Amino acid sequence: MSEDVDFNKKHDLIIDKVKELCERHPEVIGDYRKLIQYYHYYVDGFKMFVPMEVLERLTQPESVTRAYRKLVEKGIVDPDAKVKFARNVQRENYKKYYGRT
């Protein structure tokens, strides 16, 4: 149960921070690249910015992670058992928290 509480608190905070970023910096709305960059800069304290002209040429983060998941699904990339277990735990936590079945 404590694991669920910790997960929920962490994701409540992430949602709050993303909402705050969207309100303070509306330019992040609709652009995952900017949202990720601003999140790392303002929330995580990674005080470096990729110049906007470079950032705009980068592939959307969700496209990269979807491609990775597709490779795993097809068995082309095979994470080790420890990684698979941790991802399964995370997947279940996400389902519980975000209400997906």
C-alpha atoms as a PDB file:
ATOM      1  CA  MET A   1       0.000   0.000   0.000  1.00  0.00           C
ATOM      2  CA  SER A   2       2.814   2.414   0.857  1.00  0.00           C
ATOM      3  CA  GLU A   3       4.257   1.906  -2.629  1.00  0.00           C
ATOM      4  CA  ASP A   4       0.922   3.009  -4.134  1.00  0.00           C
ATOM      5  CA  VAL A   5       0.823   6.083  -1.884  1.00  0.00           C
ATOM      6  CA  ASP A   6       4.373   7.065  -2.858  1.00  0.00           C
ATOM      7  CA  PHE A   7       3.583   6.557  -6.550  1.00  0.00           C
ATOM      8  CA  ASN A   8       0.396   8.611  -6.266  1.00  0.00           C
ATOM      9  CA  LYS A   9       2.131  11.452  -4.416  1.00  0.00           C
ATOM     10  CA  LYS A  10       4.902  11.542  -6.990  1.00  0.00           C
ATOM     11  CA  HIS A  11       2.452  11.689  -9.892  1.00  0.00           C
ATOM     12  CA  ASP A  12       0.206  14.219  -8.162  1.00  0.00           C
ATOM     13  CA  LEU A  13       3.275  16.438  -7.910  1.00  0.00           C
ATOM     14  CA  ILE A  14       4.230  15.858 -11.557  1.00  0.00           C
ATOM     15  CA  ILE A  15       0.708  16.777 -12.675  1.00  0.00           C
ATOM     16  CA  ASP A  16       0.788  19.904 -10.513  1.00  0.00           C
ATOM     17  CA  LYS A  17       4.166  20.930 -11.947  1.00  0.00           C
ATOM     18  CA  VAL A  18       3.073  20.315 -15.561  1.00  0.00           C
ATOM     19  CA  LYS A  19      -0.097  22.346 -14.966  1.00  0.00           C
ATOM     20  CA  GLU A  20       1.969  25.159 -13.476  1.00  0.00           C
ATOM     21  CA  LEU A  21       4.359  25.099 -16.440  1.00  0.00           C
ATOM     22  CA  CYS A  22       1.433  25.253 -18.878  1.00  0.00           C
ATOM     23  CA  GLU A  23      -0.012  28.231 -17.033  1.00  0.00           C
ATOM     24  CA  ARG A  24       3.284  30.122 -16.714  1.00  0.00           C
ATOM     25  CA  HIS A  25       4.686  29.195 -20.115  1.00  0.00           C
ATOM     26  CA  PRO A  26       1.828  28.635 -22.580  1.00  0.00           C
ATOM     27  CA  GLU A  27       4.359  28.031 -25.344  1.00  0.00           C
ATOM     28  CA  VAL A  28       4.855  24.488 -23.947  1.00  0.00           C
ATOM     29  CA  ILE A  29       1.255  23.557 -24.672  1.00  0.00           C
ATOM     30  CA  GLY A  30       1.195  21.334 -27.736  1.00  0.00           C
ATOM     31  CA  ASP A  31       4.960  20.824 -27.945  1.00  0.00           C
ATOM     32  CA  TYR A  32       6.325  17.927 -25.916  1.00  0.00           C
ATOM     33  CA  ARG A  33       9.896  18.971 -26.686  1.00  0.00           C
ATOM     34  CA  LYS A  34       9.416  22.345 -25.031  1.00  0.00           C
ATOM     35  CA  LEU A  35       7.422  20.853 -22.185  1.00  0.00           C
ATOM     36  CA  ILE A  36      10.172  18.324 -21.431  1.00  0.00           C
ATOM     37  CA  GLN A  37      12.890  20.966 -21.674  1.00  0.00           C
ATOM     38  CA  TYR A  38      11.039  23.372 -19.394  1.00  0.00           C
ATOM     39  CA  TYR A  39      10.214  20.579 -16.937  1.00  0.00           C
ATOM     40  CA  HIS A  40      13.856  19.541 -16.687  1.00  0.00           C
ATOM     41  CA  TYR A  41      14.953  23.178 -16.377  1.00  0.00           C
ATOM     42  CA  TYR A  42      12.394  24.569 -13.930  1.00  0.00           C
ATOM     43  CA  VAL A  43      11.404  21.463 -11.951  1.00  0.00           C
ATOM     44  CA  ASP A  44      14.384  19.111 -12.063  1.00  0.00           C
ATOM     45  CA  GLY A  45      16.996  21.860 -11.886  1.00  0.00           C
ATOM     46  CA  PHE A  46      18.861  20.849 -15.042  1.00  0.00           C
ATOM     47  CA  LYS A  47      19.913  24.400 -15.803  1.00  0.00           C
ATOM     48  CA  MET A  48      20.697  24.048 -19.480  1.00  0.00           C
ATOM     49  CA  PHE A  49      18.549  24.943 -22.437  1.00  0.00           C
ATOM     50  CA  VAL A  50      18.783  23.545 -25.909  1.00  0.00           C
ATOM     51  CA  PRO A  51      18.518  26.541 -28.251  1.00  0.00           C
ATOM     52  CA  MET A  52      15.000  26.812 -29.691  1.00  0.00           C
ATOM     53  CA  GLU A  53      16.174  26.471 -33.292  1.00  0.00           C
ATOM     54  CA  VAL A  54      17.779  23.146 -32.316  1.00  0.00           C
ATOM     55  CA  LEU A  55      14.901  22.060 -30.076  1.00  0.00           C
ATOM     56  CA  GLU A  56      12.383  22.539 -32.882  1.00  0.00           C
ATOM     57  CA  ARG A  57      14.363  20.135 -35.088  1.00  0.00           C
ATOM     58  CA  LEU A  58      14.414  17.383 -32.441  1.00  0.00           C
ATOM     59  CA  THR A  59      12.085  14.418 -32.719  1.00  0.00           C
ATOM     60  CA  GLN A  60       9.143  14.514 -30.326  1.00  0.00           C
ATOM     61  CA  PRO A  61      10.002  12.510 -27.168  1.00  0.00           C
ATOM     62  CA  GLU A  62       6.767  10.505 -27.374  1.00  0.00           C
ATOM     63  CA  SER A  63       7.646   9.387 -30.923  1.00  0.00           C
ATOM     64  CA  VAL A  64      10.991   8.045 -29.729  1.00  0.00           C
ATOM     65  CA  THR A  65       9.477   6.184 -26.766  1.00  0.00           C
ATOM     66  CA  ARG A  66       6.674   4.748 -28.921  1.00  0.00           C
ATOM     67  CA  ALA A  67       9.232   3.442 -31.405  1.00  0.00           C
ATOM     68  CA  TYR A  68      11.172   1.851 -28.556  1.00  0.00           C
ATOM     69  CA  ARG A  69       8.022   0.209 -27.156  1.00  0.00           C
ATOM     70  CA  LYS A  70       7.187  -1.151 -30.626  1.00  0.00           C
ATOM     71  CA  LEU A  71      10.668  -2.718 -30.889  1.00  0.00           C
ATOM     72  CA  VAL A  72      10.188  -4.337 -27.474  1.00  0.00           C
ATOM     73  CA  GLU A  73       6.707  -5.536 -28.470  1.00  0.00           C
ATOM     74  CA  LYS A  74       8.130  -7.157 -31.623  1.00  0.00           C
ATOM     75  CA  GLY A  75      10.975  -8.772 -29.667  1.00  0.00           C
ATOM     76  CA  ILE A  76      13.651  -6.860 -31.571  1.00  0.00           C
ATOM     77  CA  VAL A  77      14.829  -5.198 -28.358  1.00  0.00           C
ATOM     78  CA  ASP A  78      14.741  -7.377 -25.261  1.00  0.00           C
ATOM     79  CA  PRO A  79      15.270  -5.647 -21.905  1.00  0.00           C
ATOM     80  CA  ASP A  80      16.628  -7.880 -19.142  1.00  0.00           C
ATOM     81  CA  ALA A  81      14.346  -9.493 -16.544  1.00  0.00           C
ATOM     82  CA  LYS A  82      15.013  -6.824 -13.896  1.00  0.00           C
ATOM     83  CA  VAL A  83      13.972  -4.050 -16.292  1.00  0.00           C
ATOM     84  CA  LYS A  84      10.888  -6.009 -17.422  1.00  0.00           C
ATOM     85  CA  PHE A  85       9.812  -6.560 -13.821  1.00  0.00           C
ATOM     86  CA  ALA A  86      10.278  -2.882 -12.908  1.00  0.00           C
ATOM     87  CA  ARG A  87       8.313  -1.801 -15.996  1.00  0.00           C
ATOM     88  CA  ASN A  88       5.470  -4.189 -15.166  1.00  0.00           C
ATOM     89  CA  VAL A  89       5.261  -2.740 -11.662  1.00  0.00           C
ATOM     90  CA  GLN A  90       5.257   0.780 -13.114  1.00  0.00           C
ATOM     91  CA  ARG A  91       2.622  -0.170 -15.684  1.00  0.00           C
ATOM     92  CA  GLU A  92       0.301  -1.435 -12.957  1.00  0.00           C
ATOM     93  CA  ASN A  93       0.886   1.702 -10.892  1.00  0.00           C
ATOM     94  CA  TYR A  94       0.108   3.889 -13.922  1.00  0.00           C
ATOM     95  CA  LYS A  95      -3.081   1.938 -14.584  1.00  0.00           C
ATOM     96  CA  LYS A  96      -4.226   2.401 -10.999  1.00  0.00           C
ATOM     97  CA  TYR A  97      -3.298   6.063 -10.841  1.00  0.00           C
ATOM     98  CA  TYR A  98      -4.456   7.221 -14.266  1.00  0.00           C
ATOM     99  CA  GLY A  99      -7.500   4.923 -14.330  1.00  0.00           C
ATOM    100  CA  ARG A 100      -6.628   2.864 -17.376  1.00  0.00           C
ATOM    101  CA  THR A 101      -7.494  -0.801 -17.528  1.00  0.00           C
END
